[in-house]
């Protein structure tokens, strides 16, 4: 990364994403190194060259997109990466709670959004984890304020 870029894209969002990807995997001084490089996540040799990365990934679609690993424990390499929005990336987390709602498997947060956010997220979590409500009831039963709100 010491040489100046010869591709004319050094000020683009795509190039910035590439540099950030390298930094969090290669440099212990990077603020997020502990979540990537320290955990053994690497950037494949091919993608250490921006031109190769660009040939495989293309332009970053928008400012709302960033590089996302499909298999979250896998490396940054062709076949395991895509451009995703923040919401898409959050849905790809390995610690997500998956639920069956309206005939589909989705994250709890996706189901909460789909339900119209009838109850606060904290109420939903309490209903599911503390009281063991079924997902449909937990999502679709309006909260009742007062002492008997969990009935």
C-alpha atoms as a PDB file:
ATOM      1  CA  UNK A   1       0.000   0.000   0.000  1.00  0.00           C
ATOM      2  CA  UNK A   2       3.059   2.285  -0.034  1.00  0.00           C
ATOM      3  CA  UNK A   3       2.949   3.065  -3.762  1.00  0.00           C
ATOM      4  CA  UNK A   4       0.554   5.699  -5.069  1.00  0.00           C
ATOM      5  CA  UNK A   5      -2.417   4.138  -6.873  1.00  0.00           C
ATOM      6  CA  UNK A   6      -2.222   3.930 -10.649  1.00  0.00           C
ATOM      7  CA  UNK A   7      -5.911   3.303 -11.236  1.00  0.00           C
ATOM      8  CA  UNK A   8      -7.241   6.819 -10.640  1.00  0.00           C
ATOM      9  CA  UNK A   9      -9.758   5.639  -8.033  1.00  0.00           C
ATOM     10  CA  UNK A  10      -7.988   6.596  -4.817  1.00  0.00           C
ATOM     11  CA  UNK A  11     -10.689   9.120  -3.852  1.00  0.00           C
ATOM     12  CA  UNK A  12     -13.675   6.852  -4.517  1.00  0.00           C
ATOM     13  CA  UNK A  13     -15.904   5.120  -1.935  1.00  0.00           C
ATOM     14  CA  UNK A  14     -14.877   1.739  -3.407  1.00  0.00           C
ATOM     15  CA  UNK A  15     -11.193   2.455  -2.806  1.00  0.00           C
ATOM     16  CA  UNK A  16     -11.940   3.681   0.731  1.00  0.00           C
ATOM     17  CA  UNK A  17     -13.794   0.440   1.496  1.00  0.00           C
ATOM     18  CA  UNK A  18     -10.865  -1.581   0.161  1.00  0.00           C
ATOM     19  CA  UNK A  19      -8.334   0.327   2.259  1.00  0.00           C
ATOM     20  CA  UNK A  20     -10.474  -0.053   5.388  1.00  0.00           C
ATOM     21  CA  UNK A  21     -10.828  -3.786   4.764  1.00  0.00           C
ATOM     22  CA  UNK A  22      -7.064  -4.167   4.514  1.00  0.00           C
ATOM     23  CA  UNK A  23      -6.375  -1.991   7.543  1.00  0.00           C
ATOM     24  CA  UNK A  24      -8.701  -3.845   9.945  1.00  0.00           C
ATOM     25  CA  UNK A  25      -7.178  -7.176   8.911  1.00  0.00           C
ATOM     26  CA  UNK A  26      -3.503  -6.219   8.666  1.00  0.00           C
ATOM     27  CA  UNK A  27      -2.716  -3.452  11.146  1.00  0.00           C
ATOM     28  CA  UNK A  28      -2.848  -4.103  14.914  1.00  0.00           C
ATOM     29  CA  UNK A  29      -3.061  -0.331  15.442  1.00  0.00           C
ATOM     30  CA  UNK A  30      -6.420  -0.174  13.616  1.00  0.00           C
ATOM     31  CA  UNK A  31      -9.365   0.382  15.976  1.00  0.00           C
ATOM     32  CA  UNK A  32     -11.197  -2.731  14.727  1.00  0.00           C
ATOM     33  CA  UNK A  33      -8.208  -5.059  14.318  1.00  0.00           C
ATOM     34  CA  UNK A  34      -9.325  -7.051  17.380  1.00  0.00           C
ATOM     35  CA  UNK A  35     -12.500  -8.087  15.532  1.00  0.00           C
ATOM     36  CA  UNK A  36     -10.775  -9.048  12.274  1.00  0.00           C
ATOM     37  CA  UNK A  37      -7.012  -9.557  12.055  1.00  0.00           C
ATOM     38  CA  UNK A  38      -6.696 -10.684  15.651  1.00  0.00           C
ATOM     39  CA  UNK A  39      -9.429 -13.278  15.057  1.00  0.00           C
ATOM     40  CA  UNK A  40      -7.626 -14.613  11.994  1.00  0.00           C
ATOM     41  CA  UNK A  41      -9.774 -12.913   9.331  1.00  0.00           C
ATOM     42  CA  UNK A  42      -7.522 -12.202   6.353  1.00  0.00           C
ATOM     43  CA  UNK A  43      -7.724 -10.571   2.938  1.00  0.00           C
ATOM     44  CA  UNK A  44      -6.789 -13.037   0.214  1.00  0.00           C
ATOM     45  CA  UNK A  45      -3.590 -12.378  -1.730  1.00  0.00           C
ATOM     46  CA  UNK A  46      -5.513 -11.524  -4.897  1.00  0.00           C
ATOM     47  CA  UNK A  47      -7.361  -8.704  -3.121  1.00  0.00           C
ATOM     48  CA  UNK A  48      -4.200  -7.137  -1.738  1.00  0.00           C
ATOM     49  CA  UNK A  49      -4.141  -5.473  -5.168  1.00  0.00           C
ATOM     50  CA  UNK A  50      -6.942  -2.936  -5.640  1.00  0.00           C
ATOM     51  CA  UNK A  51      -7.337  -3.632  -9.373  1.00  0.00           C
ATOM     52  CA  UNK A  52      -8.101  -7.309  -8.619  1.00  0.00           C
ATOM     53  CA  UNK A  53     -10.513  -6.386  -5.834  1.00  0.00           C
ATOM     54  CA  UNK A  54     -12.290  -3.950  -8.158  1.00  0.00           C
ATOM     55  CA  UNK A  55     -12.459  -6.511 -10.975  1.00  0.00           C
ATOM     56  CA  UNK A  56     -14.174  -8.971  -8.623  1.00  0.00           C
ATOM     57  CA  UNK A  57     -16.422  -6.618  -6.616  1.00  0.00           C
ATOM     58  CA  UNK A  58     -17.081  -3.664  -8.925  1.00  0.00           C
ATOM     59  CA  UNK A  59     -18.191  -0.247  -7.705  1.00  0.00           C
ATOM     60  CA  UNK A  60     -19.619   0.211  -4.240  1.00  0.00           C
ATOM     61  CA  UNK A  61     -23.319   0.651  -5.131  1.00  0.00           C
ATOM     62  CA  UNK A  62     -23.992   3.577  -2.775  1.00  0.00           C
ATOM     63  CA  UNK A  63     -22.801   5.368   0.328  1.00  0.00           C
ATOM     64  CA  UNK A  64     -25.161   3.061   2.278  1.00  0.00           C
ATOM     65  CA  UNK A  65     -23.235  -0.047   1.189  1.00  0.00           C
ATOM     66  CA  UNK A  66     -20.068  -1.598   2.559  1.00  0.00           C
ATOM     67  CA  UNK A  67     -18.162  -4.816   2.063  1.00  0.00           C
ATOM     68  CA  UNK A  68     -19.830  -7.778   3.779  1.00  0.00           C
ATOM     69  CA  UNK A  69     -18.581 -11.324   4.302  1.00  0.00           C
ATOM     70  CA  UNK A  70     -21.310 -13.838   3.473  1.00  0.00           C
ATOM     71  CA  UNK A  71     -19.823 -16.453   5.828  1.00  0.00           C
ATOM     72  CA  UNK A  72     -19.031 -14.222   8.794  1.00  0.00           C
ATOM     73  CA  UNK A  73     -16.175 -16.386  10.041  1.00  0.00           C
ATOM     74  CA  UNK A  74     -14.663 -16.551   6.550  1.00  0.00           C
ATOM     75  CA  UNK A  75     -12.080 -14.348   4.904  1.00  0.00           C
ATOM     76  CA  UNK A  76     -12.313 -11.434   2.523  1.00  0.00           C
ATOM     77  CA  UNK A  77     -12.092 -13.244  -0.794  1.00  0.00           C
ATOM     78  CA  UNK A  78     -14.028 -13.784  -4.029  1.00  0.00           C
ATOM     79  CA  UNK A  79     -17.163 -15.812  -3.420  1.00  0.00           C
ATOM     80  CA  UNK A  80     -17.441 -14.791   0.239  1.00  0.00           C
ATOM     81  CA  UNK A  81     -18.071 -11.067  -0.130  1.00  0.00           C
ATOM     82  CA  UNK A  82     -20.792  -8.772  -1.388  1.00  0.00           C
ATOM     83  CA  UNK A  83     -21.832  -5.145  -1.066  1.00  0.00           C
ATOM     84  CA  UNK A  84     -24.517  -4.851   1.617  1.00  0.00           C
ATOM     85  CA  UNK A  85     -26.423  -2.180   3.475  1.00  0.00           C
ATOM     86  CA  UNK A  86     -26.093  -1.874   7.249  1.00  0.00           C
ATOM     87  CA  UNK A  87     -29.438  -3.625   7.761  1.00  0.00           C
ATOM     88  CA  UNK A  88     -28.378  -6.514   5.490  1.00  0.00           C
ATOM     89  CA  UNK A  89     -25.124  -6.833   7.438  1.00  0.00           C
ATOM     90  CA  UNK A  90     -26.938  -6.854  10.764  1.00  0.00           C
ATOM     91  CA  UNK A  91     -29.142  -9.666   9.472  1.00  0.00           C
ATOM     92  CA  UNK A  92     -25.982 -11.645   8.630  1.00  0.00           C
ATOM     93  CA  UNK A  93     -24.682 -11.682  12.219  1.00  0.00           C
ATOM     94  CA  UNK A  94     -24.084 -15.141  13.702  1.00  0.00           C
ATOM     95  CA  UNK A  95     -25.740 -14.164  16.997  1.00  0.00           C
ATOM     96  CA  UNK A  96     -29.108 -13.266  15.461  1.00  0.00           C
ATOM     97  CA  UNK A  97     -32.233 -14.838  16.924  1.00  0.00           C
ATOM     98  CA  UNK A  98     -34.155 -16.426  14.040  1.00  0.00           C
ATOM     99  CA  UNK A  99     -37.928 -16.764  14.279  1.00  0.00           C
ATOM    100  CA  UNK A 100     -40.769 -18.127  12.139  1.00  0.00           C
ATOM    101  CA  UNK A 101     -43.208 -15.312  11.383  1.00  0.00           C
ATOM    102  CA  UNK A 102     -45.875 -15.057   8.696  1.00  0.00           C
ATOM    103  CA  UNK A 103     -44.606 -18.231   7.043  1.00  0.00           C
ATOM    104  CA  UNK A 104     -40.946 -17.230   6.763  1.00  0.00           C
ATOM    105  CA  UNK A 105     -37.766 -17.574   8.780  1.00  0.00           C
ATOM    106  CA  UNK A 106     -36.252 -14.190   9.619  1.00  0.00           C
ATOM    107  CA  UNK A 107     -34.386 -12.375  12.329  1.00  0.00           C
ATOM    108  CA  UNK A 108     -36.329 -11.120  15.309  1.00  0.00           C
ATOM    109  CA  UNK A 109     -35.630  -7.549  14.182  1.00  0.00           C
ATOM    110  CA  UNK A 110     -36.962  -8.243  10.683  1.00  0.00           C
ATOM    111  CA  UNK A 111     -40.137  -9.709  12.193  1.00  0.00           C
ATOM    112  CA  UNK A 112     -40.459  -6.680  14.492  1.00  0.00           C
ATOM    113  CA  UNK A 113     -40.203  -4.318  11.485  1.00  0.00           C
ATOM    114  CA  UNK A 114     -42.665  -6.416   9.463  1.00  0.00           C
ATOM    115  CA  UNK A 115     -45.181  -6.370  12.322  1.00  0.00           C
ATOM    116  CA  UNK A 116     -45.276  -2.583  12.243  1.00  0.00           C
ATOM    117  CA  UNK A 117     -43.322  -2.104  15.476  1.00  0.00           C
ATOM    118  CA  UNK A 118     -46.506  -2.391  17.568  1.00  0.00           C
ATOM    119  CA  UNK A 119     -44.471  -2.869  20.748  1.00  0.00           C
ATOM    120  CA  UNK A 120     -41.085  -1.547  21.813  1.00  0.00           C
ATOM    121  CA  UNK A 121     -38.160  -3.825  21.043  1.00  0.00           C
ATOM    122  CA  UNK A 122     -37.434  -4.131  24.769  1.00  0.00           C
ATOM    123  CA  UNK A 123     -41.025  -5.299  25.378  1.00  0.00           C
ATOM    124  CA  UNK A 124     -40.687  -7.848  22.586  1.00  0.00           C
ATOM    125  CA  UNK A 125     -37.467  -9.247  24.064  1.00  0.00           C
ATOM    126  CA  UNK A 126     -38.992  -9.469  27.537  1.00  0.00           C
ATOM    127  CA  UNK A 127     -42.053 -11.267  26.206  1.00  0.00           C
ATOM    128  CA  UNK A 128     -39.929 -13.760  24.274  1.00  0.00           C
ATOM    129  CA  UNK A 129     -37.032 -14.396  26.630  1.00  0.00           C
ATOM    130  CA  UNK A 130     -38.515 -13.830  30.090  1.00  0.00           C
ATOM    131  CA  UNK A 131     -42.108 -14.931  29.613  1.00  0.00           C
ATOM    132  CA  UNK A 132     -41.770 -17.331  26.651  1.00  0.00           C
ATOM    133  CA  UNK A 133     -44.569 -15.852  24.542  1.00  0.00           C
ATOM    134  CA  UNK A 134     -45.064 -17.200  21.006  1.00  0.00           C
ATOM    135  CA  UNK A 135     -43.546 -14.836  18.444  1.00  0.00           C
ATOM    136  CA  UNK A 136     -46.857 -13.828  16.827  1.00  0.00           C
ATOM    137  CA  UNK A 137     -48.416 -12.830  20.148  1.00  0.00           C
ATOM    138  CA  UNK A 138     -45.253 -11.127  21.351  1.00  0.00           C
ATOM    139  CA  UNK A 139     -45.147  -9.002  18.191  1.00  0.00           C
ATOM    140  CA  UNK A 140     -48.824  -8.288  17.660  1.00  0.00           C
ATOM    141  CA  UNK A 141     -50.253  -7.794  21.156  1.00  0.00           C
ATOM    142  CA  UNK A 142     -50.220  -4.092  22.001  1.00  0.00           C
ATOM    143  CA  UNK A 143     -48.503  -3.241  25.271  1.00  0.00           C
ATOM    144  CA  UNK A 144     -50.817  -2.295  28.110  1.00  0.00           C
ATOM    145  CA  UNK A 145     -49.415   0.309  30.446  1.00  0.00           C
ATOM    146  CA  UNK A 146     -49.650  -0.328  34.158  1.00  0.00           C
ATOM    147  CA  UNK A 147     -49.102  -3.075  36.668  1.00  0.00           C
ATOM    148  CA  UNK A 148     -50.609  -5.874  34.577  1.00  0.00           C
ATOM    149  CA  UNK A 149     -48.891  -5.109  31.292  1.00  0.00           C
ATOM    150  CA  UNK A 150     -47.556  -8.653  30.860  1.00  0.00           C
ATOM    151  CA  UNK A 151     -50.932 -10.358  31.096  1.00  0.00           C
END
